[in-house]
Amino acid sequence: MFPDIPDEITDYYKEKARDLPKAQPSPIHALMTKLDAAVVDALYHDGPQASVNEAFDAVINHPESTWKPEVLSYRLRCLYYS
């Protein structure tokens, strides 16, 4: 039900008739999803590199983002280019 919360904890909340914890939505999450999709499209479907660059810049330039360009580039290399 909740991928980040172990079953034991969700069962405890249900037994105590408490509301289950809810993850706070992150505006960066949607941007990261778009970036990942753009990279996959570029790598496997001949998508435009410009889409990857735009999505990358959107993550870096968002006011709530804590990503540094070097760290985000490293993440992409580890996930998709290694």
N, C-alpha and C. Protein backbone atom coordinates (compact mmCIF):
# COMPACT_ATOMS: atom_id res chain seq x y z
N MET A 1 0.82 -1.19 0.00
CA MET A 1 0.00 0.00 0.00
C MET A 1 0.87 1.25 0.00
N PHE A 2 1.79 1.35 0.94
CA PHE A 2 2.74 2.45 1.00
C PHE A 2 4.12 1.87 0.77
N PRO A 3 4.73 2.11 -0.38
CA PRO A 3 5.99 1.45 -0.69
C PRO A 3 7.15 1.82 0.23
N ASP A 4 7.11 2.99 0.84
CA ASP A 4 8.22 3.42 1.68
C ASP A 4 8.04 3.04 3.15
N ILE A 5 6.85 2.58 3.52
CA ILE A 5 6.56 2.29 4.92
C ILE A 5 6.42 0.77 5.08
N PRO A 6 7.18 0.17 5.98
CA PRO A 6 7.07 -1.28 6.19
C PRO A 6 5.66 -1.67 6.63
N ASP A 7 5.26 -2.89 6.29
CA ASP A 7 3.93 -3.40 6.62
C ASP A 7 3.66 -3.37 8.12
N GLU A 8 4.70 -3.64 8.92
CA GLU A 8 4.52 -3.66 10.37
C GLU A 8 4.05 -2.30 10.89
N ILE A 9 4.56 -1.25 10.30
CA ILE A 9 4.18 0.08 10.76
C ILE A 9 2.77 0.42 10.32
N THR A 10 2.43 0.10 9.07
CA THR A 10 1.06 0.39 8.62
C THR A 10 0.05 -0.44 9.41
N ASP A 11 0.41 -1.68 9.74
CA ASP A 11 -0.48 -2.52 10.56
C ASP A 11 -0.68 -1.90 11.94
N TYR A 12 0.40 -1.38 12.52
CA TYR A 12 0.31 -0.73 13.83
C TYR A 12 -0.65 0.45 13.78
N TYR A 13 -0.53 1.28 12.75
CA TYR A 13 -1.41 2.44 12.62
C TYR A 13 -2.86 2.00 12.50
N LYS A 14 -3.09 0.94 11.73
CA LYS A 14 -4.46 0.44 11.55
C LYS A 14 -5.01 -0.11 12.86
N GLU A 15 -4.20 -0.86 13.62
CA GLU A 15 -4.63 -1.41 14.90
C GLU A 15 -5.00 -0.31 15.89
N LYS A 16 -4.28 0.77 15.86
CA LYS A 16 -4.54 1.88 16.78
C LYS A 16 -5.59 2.84 16.24
N ALA A 17 -6.13 2.54 15.06
CA ALA A 17 -7.15 3.37 14.41
C ALA A 17 -6.64 4.80 14.20
N ARG A 18 -5.40 4.88 13.81
CA ARG A 18 -4.79 6.19 13.52
C ARG A 18 -4.70 6.38 12.02
N ASP A 19 -4.65 7.64 11.62
CA ASP A 19 -4.47 7.94 10.20
C ASP A 19 -3.06 7.53 9.79
N LEU A 20 -2.99 6.94 8.62
CA LEU A 20 -1.69 6.55 8.10
C LEU A 20 -0.89 7.78 7.71
N PRO A 21 0.42 7.75 7.89
CA PRO A 21 1.23 8.91 7.50
C PRO A 21 1.17 9.10 6.00
N LYS A 22 1.19 10.34 5.61
CA LYS A 22 1.15 10.68 4.19
C LYS A 22 2.43 11.41 3.82
N ALA A 23 2.98 11.00 2.70
CA ALA A 23 4.19 11.66 2.21
C ALA A 23 3.84 13.06 1.73
N GLN A 24 4.72 13.98 2.03
CA GLN A 24 4.53 15.34 1.55
C GLN A 24 4.92 15.40 0.08
N PRO A 25 4.05 15.94 -0.75
CA PRO A 25 4.39 16.02 -2.17
C PRO A 25 5.56 16.98 -2.40
N SER A 26 6.45 16.56 -3.24
CA SER A 26 7.61 17.38 -3.55
C SER A 26 7.47 17.92 -4.97
N PRO A 27 7.61 19.22 -5.15
CA PRO A 27 7.53 19.74 -6.51
C PRO A 27 8.69 19.26 -7.38
N ILE A 28 9.76 18.86 -6.75
CA ILE A 28 10.91 18.37 -7.50
C ILE A 28 10.66 16.97 -8.04
N HIS A 29 9.82 16.20 -7.36
CA HIS A 29 9.55 14.83 -7.78
C HIS A 29 9.04 14.79 -9.22
N ALA A 30 8.10 15.63 -9.55
CA ALA A 30 7.55 15.66 -10.91
C ALA A 30 8.63 16.05 -11.93
N LEU A 31 9.49 16.98 -11.55
CA LEU A 31 10.57 17.39 -12.45
C LEU A 31 11.58 16.27 -12.65
N MET A 32 11.87 15.54 -11.59
CA MET A 32 12.80 14.41 -11.70
C MET A 32 12.22 13.31 -12.58
N THR A 33 10.92 13.08 -12.47
CA THR A 33 10.26 12.09 -13.30
C THR A 33 10.35 12.48 -14.77
N LYS A 34 10.15 13.76 -15.05
CA LYS A 34 10.27 14.24 -16.44
C LYS A 34 11.71 14.10 -16.94
N LEU A 35 12.67 14.38 -16.09
CA LEU A 35 14.07 14.24 -16.47
C LEU A 35 14.39 12.78 -16.78
N ASP A 36 13.98 11.89 -15.91
CA ASP A 36 14.23 10.46 -16.15
C ASP A 36 13.58 10.00 -17.45
N ALA A 37 12.35 10.44 -17.69
CA ALA A 37 11.66 10.06 -18.93
C ALA A 37 12.38 10.62 -20.15
N ALA A 38 12.88 11.84 -20.05
CA ALA A 38 13.60 12.44 -21.18
C ALA A 38 14.90 11.69 -21.47
N VAL A 39 15.60 11.26 -20.43
CA VAL A 39 16.84 10.51 -20.61
C VAL A 39 16.54 9.16 -21.26
N VAL A 40 15.53 8.47 -20.78
CA VAL A 40 15.16 7.18 -21.36
C VAL A 40 14.75 7.36 -22.83
N ASP A 41 13.98 8.39 -23.09
CA ASP A 41 13.56 8.66 -24.47
C ASP A 41 14.77 8.93 -25.36
N ALA A 42 15.72 9.71 -24.87
CA ALA A 42 16.91 10.02 -25.65
C ALA A 42 17.79 8.80 -25.88
N LEU A 43 17.92 7.96 -24.86
CA LEU A 43 18.79 6.79 -24.98
C LEU A 43 18.20 5.68 -25.83
N TYR A 44 16.93 5.41 -25.65
CA TYR A 44 16.35 4.21 -26.24
C TYR A 44 15.37 4.46 -27.39
N HIS A 45 14.96 5.71 -27.56
CA HIS A 45 13.96 6.00 -28.59
C HIS A 45 14.37 7.16 -29.49
N ASP A 46 15.65 7.46 -29.52
CA ASP A 46 16.17 8.55 -30.35
C ASP A 46 15.48 9.88 -30.08
N GLY A 47 15.13 10.12 -28.83
CA GLY A 47 14.52 11.39 -28.46
C GLY A 47 15.54 12.51 -28.49
N PRO A 48 15.08 13.74 -28.48
CA PRO A 48 15.99 14.88 -28.58
C PRO A 48 16.78 15.13 -27.29
N GLN A 49 18.04 15.42 -27.44
CA GLN A 49 18.89 15.77 -26.29
C GLN A 49 18.42 17.09 -25.68
N ALA A 50 17.79 17.93 -26.48
CA ALA A 50 17.30 19.21 -25.97
C ALA A 50 16.27 19.00 -24.86
N SER A 51 15.48 17.95 -24.94
CA SER A 51 14.51 17.65 -23.88
C SER A 51 15.20 17.29 -22.58
N VAL A 52 16.29 16.54 -22.70
CA VAL A 52 17.08 16.19 -21.51
C VAL A 52 17.67 17.45 -20.89
N ASN A 53 18.22 18.30 -21.71
CA ASN A 53 18.83 19.54 -21.22
C ASN A 53 17.79 20.44 -20.54
N GLU A 54 16.60 20.56 -21.14
CA GLU A 54 15.54 21.39 -20.56
C GLU A 54 15.08 20.82 -19.22
N ALA A 55 14.89 19.50 -19.16
CA ALA A 55 14.44 18.87 -17.92
C ALA A 55 15.52 18.99 -16.84
N PHE A 56 16.77 18.82 -17.23
CA PHE A 56 17.89 18.97 -16.29
C PHE A 56 17.90 20.38 -15.71
N ASP A 57 17.81 21.37 -16.59
CA ASP A 57 17.82 22.77 -16.13
C ASP A 57 16.62 23.08 -15.25
N ALA A 58 15.47 22.47 -15.55
CA ALA A 58 14.27 22.71 -14.73
C ALA A 58 14.48 22.23 -13.31
N VAL A 59 15.13 21.08 -13.15
CA VAL A 59 15.41 20.57 -11.80
C VAL A 59 16.40 21.48 -11.08
N ILE A 60 17.46 21.83 -11.76
CA ILE A 60 18.51 22.65 -11.13
C ILE A 60 17.98 24.04 -10.76
N ASN A 61 17.17 24.64 -11.61
CA ASN A 61 16.75 26.03 -11.43
C ASN A 61 15.50 26.20 -10.58
N HIS A 62 14.86 25.10 -10.17
CA HIS A 62 13.66 25.24 -9.34
C HIS A 62 14.07 25.81 -7.98
N PRO A 63 13.30 26.76 -7.46
CA PRO A 63 13.68 27.42 -6.20
C PRO A 63 13.79 26.48 -5.00
N GLU A 64 13.05 25.37 -4.99
CA GLU A 64 13.10 24.45 -3.87
C GLU A 64 14.09 23.30 -4.08
N SER A 65 14.74 23.30 -5.21
CA SER A 65 15.68 22.22 -5.52
C SER A 65 16.98 22.39 -4.75
N THR A 66 17.48 21.28 -4.23
CA THR A 66 18.77 21.29 -3.56
C THR A 66 19.83 20.57 -4.41
N TRP A 67 19.45 20.17 -5.62
CA TRP A 67 20.37 19.45 -6.51
C TRP A 67 21.43 20.40 -7.04
N LYS A 68 22.65 19.94 -7.03
CA LYS A 68 23.77 20.63 -7.68
C LYS A 68 23.96 19.97 -9.04
N PRO A 69 24.39 20.71 -10.06
CA PRO A 69 24.55 20.13 -11.40
C PRO A 69 25.46 18.90 -11.40
N GLU A 70 26.55 18.95 -10.64
CA GLU A 70 27.49 17.83 -10.63
C GLU A 70 26.85 16.57 -10.05
N VAL A 71 26.07 16.75 -8.99
CA VAL A 71 25.45 15.61 -8.32
C VAL A 71 24.34 15.02 -9.19
N LEU A 72 23.56 15.89 -9.82
CA LEU A 72 22.50 15.41 -10.70
C LEU A 72 23.09 14.70 -11.92
N SER A 73 24.16 15.22 -12.46
CA SER A 73 24.84 14.54 -13.57
C SER A 73 25.36 13.18 -13.15
N TYR A 74 25.92 13.11 -11.94
CA TYR A 74 26.41 11.83 -11.42
C TYR A 74 25.26 10.84 -11.27
N ARG A 75 24.13 11.29 -10.77
CA ARG A 75 22.96 10.43 -10.63
C ARG A 75 22.55 9.85 -11.98
N LEU A 76 22.49 10.71 -12.98
CA LEU A 76 22.10 10.24 -14.31
C LEU A 76 23.10 9.25 -14.88
N ARG A 77 24.39 9.53 -14.67
CA ARG A 77 25.41 8.60 -15.16
C ARG A 77 25.27 7.24 -14.50
N CYS A 78 25.07 7.24 -13.17
CA CYS A 78 24.94 5.97 -12.46
C CYS A 78 23.70 5.20 -12.87
N LEU A 79 22.60 5.89 -13.07
CA LEU A 79 21.34 5.21 -13.39
C LEU A 79 21.23 4.77 -14.85
N TYR A 80 21.76 5.58 -15.77
CA TYR A 80 21.46 5.34 -17.18
C TYR A 80 22.68 5.10 -18.07
N TYR A 81 23.84 5.57 -17.69
CA TYR A 81 24.96 5.52 -18.60
C TYR A 81 26.08 4.56 -18.16
N SER A 82 25.85 3.79 -17.11
CA SER A 82 26.90 2.90 -16.67
C SER A 82 26.62 1.46 -17.07
